[in-house]
Amino acid sequence: MTDLKTSNILTDTFGRTHNYLRISLTERCNLRCTYCMPAEGIQLSPKANIMTYEEIFTIAQEFVNRGVTKIRLTGGEPLVRKDAAKIIEQLSSLPVELTLTTNGVIVDRFIDLFKKCGIQSLNISLDSLHSSKNQQITRRSYFEKVYQNILLLVDEGFEVKINCVLMKGFNDDEIIDFINLAKDLPVHIRFIEFMPFDGNRWNMDKLVSLKEILDHVHTHFIKDEVLKLQNAPNDTAKSYQIKGYKGTFAIISSVTNPFCDGCNRIRLTANGKIKNCLFSSKESDLLTPLRDGKPIASVIQSAIRSKLKVRNGMDTLDKFKDTDGHNNRSMIQIGG
């Protein structure tokens, strides 16, 4: 029998060690992005089923004791949770790199807290540089506020990554505009391939692939201007820089060119379930045994060991195209 006290329970059967934990603080959000939330909304988990701040810290501490070195807070929108500041302060006491993904609407209220807690990098979701299109995709009119908050974060010295989900016929004509945003601003633009989740009406026709993005880039910039950057071993993004630009751009190609071999991520949903893969429909309940006073290490180990080699078994594009096979939560319930 495996000794959980000494074994590395975060290493799966393919030798991948998971030292990066993404914690969803809430299923709630102040936006209604079409690729994240169904038009009719979602059935929220009962409040009693959502992890308390004490439970979040206890679970996070277990993961850190087992080798997690980075924690990202997600949602929903993590900052709409009433005790978000308390959670951030508690987690900042752990020996990890702490960061978060946010839609940027209320991020200005947390600048001092981020600095106090050692947060240096944030991911901001922004899918169009046009107010009307941004309102169309988010179903809310916060574009100007988000854009000004991005400038504020840059001015305050934070590393800012801008996440843009590309959809054909909607915002793929803004690829160069986004890249040019990095000409004078030290921001990192990250183009994300449109991925299938419950209720977001995904199909391949809407997807803008890594190849299409790069083809578009190379029609606007000469070859010597597009510099390929070195990525870290576990990076999900393929990074580039236009010569002379302050910032960079990258492509996250989860659909057409997955990066599963180097995956080091594990997700914890707001209701205390482990998802060992973004595309997995199977989940492992940590919250129930925790509340029952039982050890959770064996649950974590089982979840990690059951992780498949590629995208929940969808190892070909043909399998991925079969949308009937995507029996998954909506993105807002998983955590970005």
Protein backbone atom coordinates (compact mmCIF):
# COMPACT_ATOMS: atom_id res chain seq x y z
CA MET A 1 0.00 0.00 0.00
CA THR A 2 1.32 3.45 -0.94
CA ASP A 3 2.54 5.56 1.98
CA LEU A 4 0.73 8.87 1.52
CA LYS A 5 3.06 10.58 3.97
CA THR A 6 6.12 10.08 1.79
CA SER A 7 4.82 9.54 -1.75
CA ASN A 8 4.36 12.32 -4.26
CA ILE A 9 0.59 12.19 -4.59
CA LEU A 10 0.62 14.99 -7.19
CA THR A 11 2.43 12.89 -9.82
CA ASP A 12 0.20 11.04 -12.29
CA THR A 13 0.82 7.75 -14.10
CA PHE A 14 2.48 9.59 -17.01
CA GLY A 15 5.09 11.23 -14.78
CA ARG A 16 3.47 14.68 -14.79
CA THR A 17 3.79 16.50 -11.46
CA HIS A 18 1.00 18.94 -10.64
CA ASN A 19 2.44 21.90 -8.76
CA TYR A 20 -0.09 24.49 -9.98
CA LEU A 21 -3.50 24.69 -8.28
CA ARG A 22 -6.34 26.76 -9.69
CA ILE A 23 -9.04 27.50 -7.10
CA SER A 24 -12.47 28.79 -8.12
CA LEU A 25 -13.81 31.04 -5.35
CA THR A 26 -17.33 31.42 -6.70
CA GLU A 27 -19.70 30.49 -9.51
CA ARG A 28 -21.03 34.06 -9.55
CA CYS A 29 -19.93 36.76 -11.98
CA ASN A 30 -20.80 40.35 -12.80
CA LEU A 31 -20.51 39.58 -16.54
CA ARG A 32 -22.37 37.05 -18.71
CA CYS A 33 -19.79 36.11 -21.37
CA THR A 34 -21.29 33.96 -24.11
CA TYR A 35 -18.43 31.43 -24.23
CA CYS A 36 -18.47 31.03 -20.44
CA MET A 37 -22.13 31.09 -19.40
CA PRO A 38 -25.28 29.85 -21.18
CA ALA A 39 -27.71 32.60 -22.22
CA GLU A 40 -30.28 31.26 -19.75
CA GLY A 41 -27.75 31.39 -16.91
CA ILE A 42 -26.79 28.49 -14.65
CA GLN A 43 -28.18 26.75 -11.60
CA LEU A 44 -25.87 27.94 -8.85
CA SER A 45 -24.69 25.51 -6.22
CA PRO A 46 -26.47 26.02 -2.89
CA LYS A 47 -24.50 28.36 -0.63
CA ALA A 48 -24.01 25.56 1.89
CA ASN A 49 -22.16 23.57 -0.78
CA ILE A 50 -19.63 26.33 -1.52
CA MET A 51 -16.28 26.14 0.26
CA THR A 52 -15.85 28.55 3.16
CA TYR A 53 -12.67 30.60 3.38
CA GLU A 54 -11.41 28.30 6.12
CA GLU A 55 -12.02 25.25 3.92
CA ILE A 56 -10.30 26.87 0.96
CA PHE A 57 -7.23 27.56 3.09
CA THR A 58 -7.19 24.04 4.58
CA ILE A 59 -7.38 22.40 1.16
CA ALA A 60 -4.82 24.80 -0.31
CA GLN A 61 -2.47 24.09 2.59
CA GLU A 62 -2.75 20.35 1.94
CA PHE A 63 -1.78 20.89 -1.69
CA VAL A 64 1.12 23.19 -0.78
CA ASN A 65 2.40 20.66 1.76
CA ARG A 66 2.38 18.13 -1.08
CA GLY A 67 4.36 20.30 -3.50
CA VAL A 68 2.12 22.97 -5.06
CA THR A 69 4.14 26.12 -5.69
CA LYS A 70 1.60 28.27 -7.53
CA ILE A 71 -2.06 29.09 -6.82
CA ARG A 72 -4.35 30.97 -9.16
CA LEU A 73 -7.74 32.24 -7.96
CA THR A 74 -10.54 32.12 -10.50
CA GLY A 75 -14.33 32.16 -10.66
CA GLY A 76 -16.88 33.09 -11.87
CA GLU A 77 -15.35 36.39 -10.98
CA PRO A 78 -13.24 35.80 -7.84
CA LEU A 79 -13.38 39.40 -6.65
CA VAL A 80 -17.20 39.50 -6.34
CA ARG A 81 -17.02 37.07 -3.44
CA LYS A 82 -17.62 39.08 -0.25
CA ASP A 83 -14.71 37.52 1.63
CA ALA A 84 -12.32 37.56 -1.35
CA ALA A 85 -9.92 39.89 0.46
CA LYS A 86 -9.78 37.61 3.50
CA ILE A 87 -9.12 34.57 1.29
CA ILE A 88 -6.35 36.37 -0.59
CA GLU A 89 -4.71 37.48 2.65
CA GLN A 90 -4.83 33.97 4.10
CA LEU A 91 -3.45 32.29 0.99
CA SER A 92 -0.65 34.86 0.76
CA SER A 93 0.75 33.40 3.99
CA LEU A 94 1.55 30.16 2.13
CA PRO A 95 4.93 29.75 0.37
CA VAL A 96 3.48 29.97 -3.14
CA GLU A 97 3.25 32.30 -6.10
CA LEU A 98 -0.27 33.73 -5.75
CA THR A 99 -2.13 35.21 -8.70
CA LEU A 100 -5.62 35.45 -10.13
CA THR A 101 -7.71 35.68 -13.26
CA THR A 102 -10.34 38.43 -13.27
CA ASN A 103 -12.61 40.26 -15.68
CA GLY A 104 -11.11 43.50 -14.38
CA VAL A 105 -14.37 45.28 -13.60
CA ILE A 106 -13.65 45.95 -9.89
CA VAL A 107 -9.94 45.20 -9.79
CA ASP A 108 -9.10 48.82 -8.90
CA ARG A 109 -10.57 48.26 -5.43
CA PHE A 110 -7.93 45.63 -4.65
CA ILE A 111 -4.68 47.29 -5.77
CA ASP A 112 -3.37 47.89 -2.24
CA LEU A 113 -4.37 44.40 -1.13
CA PHE A 114 -2.57 42.80 -4.08
CA LYS A 115 0.60 44.68 -3.23
CA LYS A 116 0.32 43.78 0.45
CA CYS A 117 -0.12 40.11 -0.43
CA GLY A 118 2.73 39.97 -2.92
CA ILE A 119 0.59 39.47 -6.03
CA GLN A 120 2.63 40.66 -8.99
CA SER A 121 0.79 39.24 -12.01
CA LEU A 122 -2.87 39.20 -13.05
CA ASN A 123 -4.76 37.82 -16.02
CA ILE A 124 -7.53 40.09 -17.31
CA SER A 125 -10.23 38.82 -19.68
CA LEU A 126 -10.94 41.17 -22.59
CA ASP A 127 -12.29 39.85 -25.88
CA SER A 128 -12.68 43.00 -27.93
CA LEU A 129 -11.20 46.48 -28.09
CA HIS A 130 -14.54 47.84 -29.28
CA SER A 131 -17.09 48.81 -26.65
CA SER A 132 -20.11 47.62 -28.64
CA LYS A 133 -18.61 44.20 -29.41
CA ASN A 134 -17.42 43.83 -25.85
CA GLN A 135 -20.95 44.50 -24.65
CA GLN A 136 -22.29 41.95 -27.11
CA ILE A 137 -20.06 39.17 -25.80
CA THR A 138 -20.20 40.04 -22.08
CA ARG A 139 -23.88 41.14 -22.13
CA ARG A 140 -22.74 44.08 -19.97
CA SER A 141 -21.29 47.55 -20.70
CA TYR A 142 -18.06 47.65 -18.68
CA PHE A 143 -15.52 47.99 -21.48
CA GLU A 144 -14.22 51.45 -20.56
CA LYS A 145 -13.90 50.51 -16.88
CA VAL A 146 -11.95 47.34 -17.69
CA TYR A 147 -9.67 49.11 -20.16
CA GLN A 148 -8.86 51.87 -17.67
CA ASN A 149 -8.19 49.26 -14.98
CA ILE A 150 -5.72 47.52 -17.29
CA LEU A 151 -3.86 50.82 -17.70
CA LEU A 152 -4.02 51.33 -13.92
CA LEU A 153 -2.51 47.92 -13.22
CA VAL A 154 0.30 48.55 -15.68
CA ASP A 155 0.93 51.96 -14.14
CA GLU A 156 1.03 50.37 -10.67
CA GLY A 157 3.74 47.96 -11.80
CA PHE A 158 1.78 44.73 -12.19
CA GLU A 159 2.48 42.22 -14.94
CA VAL A 160 -0.75 42.14 -16.96
CA LYS A 161 -1.80 39.30 -19.24
CA ILE A 162 -4.86 39.97 -21.40
CA ASN A 163 -6.87 36.86 -22.23
CA CYS A 164 -8.77 37.08 -25.52
CA VAL A 165 -10.98 34.19 -26.67
CA LEU A 166 -11.04 34.37 -30.45
CA MET A 167 -14.21 33.51 -32.39
CA LYS A 168 -14.39 33.49 -36.16
CA GLY A 169 -16.52 36.24 -37.62
CA PHE A 170 -16.70 38.07 -34.31
CA ASN A 171 -13.33 39.29 -33.08
CA ASP A 172 -10.76 37.56 -35.30
CA ASP A 173 -10.44 40.83 -37.21
CA GLU A 174 -8.91 42.37 -34.05
CA ILE A 175 -5.85 40.12 -33.82
CA ILE A 176 -3.48 42.82 -35.09
CA ASP A 177 -5.19 45.51 -33.00
CA PHE A 178 -4.57 43.46 -29.87
CA ILE A 179 -0.96 42.80 -30.81
CA ASN A 180 -0.44 46.52 -31.46
CA LEU A 181 -1.72 47.20 -27.95
CA ALA A 182 1.59 45.68 -26.84
CA LYS A 183 3.61 48.15 -28.91
CA ASP A 184 3.77 50.82 -26.24
CA LEU A 185 2.33 48.91 -23.27
CA PRO A 186 4.28 46.09 -21.52
CA VAL A 187 1.24 43.79 -21.63
CA HIS A 188 1.06 40.16 -22.68
CA ILE A 189 -1.76 39.38 -25.12
CA ARG A 190 -2.93 35.75 -25.00
CA PHE A 191 -5.16 34.51 -27.81
CA ILE A 192 -7.19 31.50 -26.68
CA GLU A 193 -8.82 29.02 -29.01
CA PHE A 194 -12.59 28.78 -28.48
CA MET A 195 -13.25 25.66 -26.38
CA PRO A 196 -16.41 23.59 -25.83
CA PHE A 197 -18.26 23.80 -22.51
CA ASP A 198 -21.84 23.25 -21.47
CA GLY A 199 -24.19 25.80 -23.00
CA ASN A 200 -21.68 27.85 -25.05
CA ARG A 201 -22.81 26.51 -28.46
CA TRP A 202 -19.32 25.54 -29.51
CA ASN A 203 -18.49 24.26 -32.95
CA MET A 204 -15.34 24.04 -35.03
CA ASP A 205 -16.59 26.66 -37.47
CA LYS A 206 -16.17 29.33 -34.78
CA LEU A 207 -12.64 28.30 -33.88
CA VAL A 208 -9.65 30.40 -34.91
CA SER A 209 -6.71 28.01 -34.87
CA LEU A 210 -3.09 28.59 -33.94
CA LYS A 211 -2.16 28.27 -37.62
CA GLU A 212 -4.78 30.80 -38.70
CA ILE A 213 -3.61 33.27 -36.06
CA LEU A 214 0.01 32.97 -37.12
CA ASP A 215 -0.92 33.20 -40.81
CA HIS A 216 -2.77 36.41 -40.03
CA VAL A 217 0.20 37.78 -38.09
CA HIS A 218 2.61 37.00 -40.93
CA THR A 219 0.47 38.87 -43.45
CA HIS A 220 0.93 42.04 -41.38
CA PHE A 221 4.50 41.70 -40.16
CA ILE A 222 7.56 40.58 -42.07
CA LYS A 223 9.14 37.32 -40.94
CA ASP A 224 12.12 38.90 -39.18
CA GLU A 225 9.80 41.10 -37.09
CA VAL A 226 7.99 38.15 -35.46
CA LEU A 227 10.25 36.77 -32.76
CA LYS A 228 9.57 33.33 -31.27
CA LEU A 229 10.17 33.42 -27.53
CA GLN A 230 11.40 30.61 -25.29
CA ASN A 231 8.62 29.10 -23.19
CA ALA A 232 8.98 27.55 -19.75
CA PRO A 233 8.52 23.74 -19.59
CA ASN A 234 4.91 23.90 -18.32
CA ASP A 235 3.71 26.90 -20.32
CA THR A 236 0.36 26.48 -22.06
CA ALA A 237 1.02 29.39 -24.40
CA LYS A 238 3.33 29.66 -27.40
CA SER A 239 4.83 33.12 -27.05
CA TYR A 240 5.97 35.71 -29.59
CA GLN A 241 7.05 39.32 -29.72
CA ILE A 242 7.05 41.86 -32.50
CA LYS A 243 10.51 43.33 -32.76
CA GLY A 244 10.68 46.63 -30.89
CA TYR A 245 7.39 46.14 -29.03
CA LYS A 246 7.31 46.50 -25.23
CA GLY A 247 4.85 43.65 -24.75
CA THR A 248 4.31 40.20 -26.22
CA PHE A 249 1.57 37.99 -27.61
CA ALA A 250 0.91 34.28 -27.23
CA ILE A 251 -1.45 31.59 -28.44
CA ILE A 252 -3.13 28.99 -26.24
CA SER A 253 -4.08 26.19 -28.62
CA SER A 254 -6.03 23.77 -26.43
CA VAL A 255 -7.97 22.44 -29.42
CA THR A 256 -5.66 22.25 -32.44
CA ASN A 257 -2.29 21.82 -30.72
CA PRO A 258 -2.78 20.68 -27.11
CA PHE A 259 -0.02 20.86 -24.54
CA CYS A 260 -1.03 17.91 -22.34
CA ASP A 261 2.47 16.39 -22.13
CA GLY A 262 3.64 19.22 -19.87
CA CYS A 263 0.42 19.78 -17.93
CA ASN A 264 1.03 20.62 -14.28
CA ARG A 265 -2.44 22.00 -13.44
CA ILE A 266 -5.15 20.77 -11.14
CA ARG A 267 -8.47 22.55 -10.65
CA LEU A 268 -10.61 22.93 -7.54
CA THR A 269 -14.19 24.07 -8.15
CA ALA A 270 -16.03 26.46 -5.83
CA ASN A 271 -18.03 23.55 -4.42
CA GLY A 272 -14.92 21.60 -3.53
CA LYS A 273 -14.52 19.18 -6.43
CA ILE A 274 -11.22 18.32 -8.11
CA LYS A 275 -11.13 18.38 -11.89
CA ASN A 276 -7.93 16.72 -13.06
CA CYS A 277 -8.43 18.05 -16.60
CA LEU A 278 -10.28 21.06 -17.95
CA PHE A 279 -12.20 18.77 -20.31
CA SER A 280 -12.96 15.98 -17.87
CA SER A 281 -16.56 15.31 -16.91
CA LYS A 282 -15.40 13.31 -13.87
CA GLU A 283 -14.82 15.07 -10.57
CA SER A 284 -13.53 14.06 -7.14
CA ASP A 285 -15.24 15.42 -4.05
CA LEU A 286 -12.84 16.89 -1.48
CA LEU A 287 -15.32 18.98 0.49
CA THR A 288 -17.46 16.14 1.85
CA PRO A 289 -14.60 14.14 3.41
CA LEU A 290 -13.05 17.37 4.71
CA ARG A 291 -16.29 18.28 6.47
CA ASP A 292 -16.55 14.74 7.81
CA GLY A 293 -13.12 15.12 9.39
CA LYS A 294 -11.51 12.57 7.09
CA PRO A 295 -8.08 12.86 5.38
CA ILE A 296 -8.24 14.13 1.81
CA ALA A 297 -4.79 13.07 0.58
CA SER A 298 -6.04 9.75 -0.78
CA VAL A 299 -8.81 11.53 -2.74
CA ILE A 300 -6.27 13.90 -4.24
CA GLN A 301 -3.96 11.04 -5.17
CA SER A 302 -6.78 9.06 -6.78
CA ALA A 303 -7.87 12.08 -8.82
CA ILE A 304 -4.34 12.71 -10.06
CA ARG A 305 -3.69 9.04 -10.86
CA SER A 306 -6.89 8.79 -12.91
CA LYS A 307 -5.89 11.66 -15.21
CA LEU A 308 -5.77 10.60 -18.85
CA LYS A 309 -2.85 11.35 -21.14
CA VAL A 310 -4.59 13.80 -23.48
CA ARG A 311 -7.71 15.96 -22.99
CA ASN A 312 -9.84 13.44 -21.12
CA GLY A 313 -9.16 10.84 -23.78
CA MET A 314 -9.90 13.06 -26.77
CA ASP A 315 -6.52 12.45 -28.36
CA THR A 316 -7.53 13.33 -31.92
CA LEU A 317 -9.26 16.33 -33.42
CA ASP A 318 -12.02 14.08 -34.75
CA LYS A 319 -12.85 12.93 -31.23
CA PHE A 320 -12.79 16.54 -30.08
CA LYS A 321 -15.22 17.57 -32.82
CA ASP A 322 -17.80 15.18 -31.41
CA THR A 323 -19.51 17.77 -29.23
CA ASP A 324 -21.86 15.09 -27.85
CA GLY A 325 -18.83 13.83 -25.96
CA HIS A 326 -18.31 17.09 -24.06
CA ASN A 327 -20.37 16.24 -21.01
CA ASN A 328 -18.86 18.99 -18.92
CA ARG A 329 -19.79 21.93 -16.73
CA SER A 330 -20.11 25.41 -18.15
CA MET A 331 -16.83 27.31 -17.87
CA ILE A 332 -18.15 29.61 -15.13
CA GLN A 333 -18.68 26.56 -12.89
CA ILE A 334 -15.22 25.15 -13.55
CA GLY A 335 -13.05 28.20 -13.01
CA GLY A 336 -11.10 29.86 -15.79
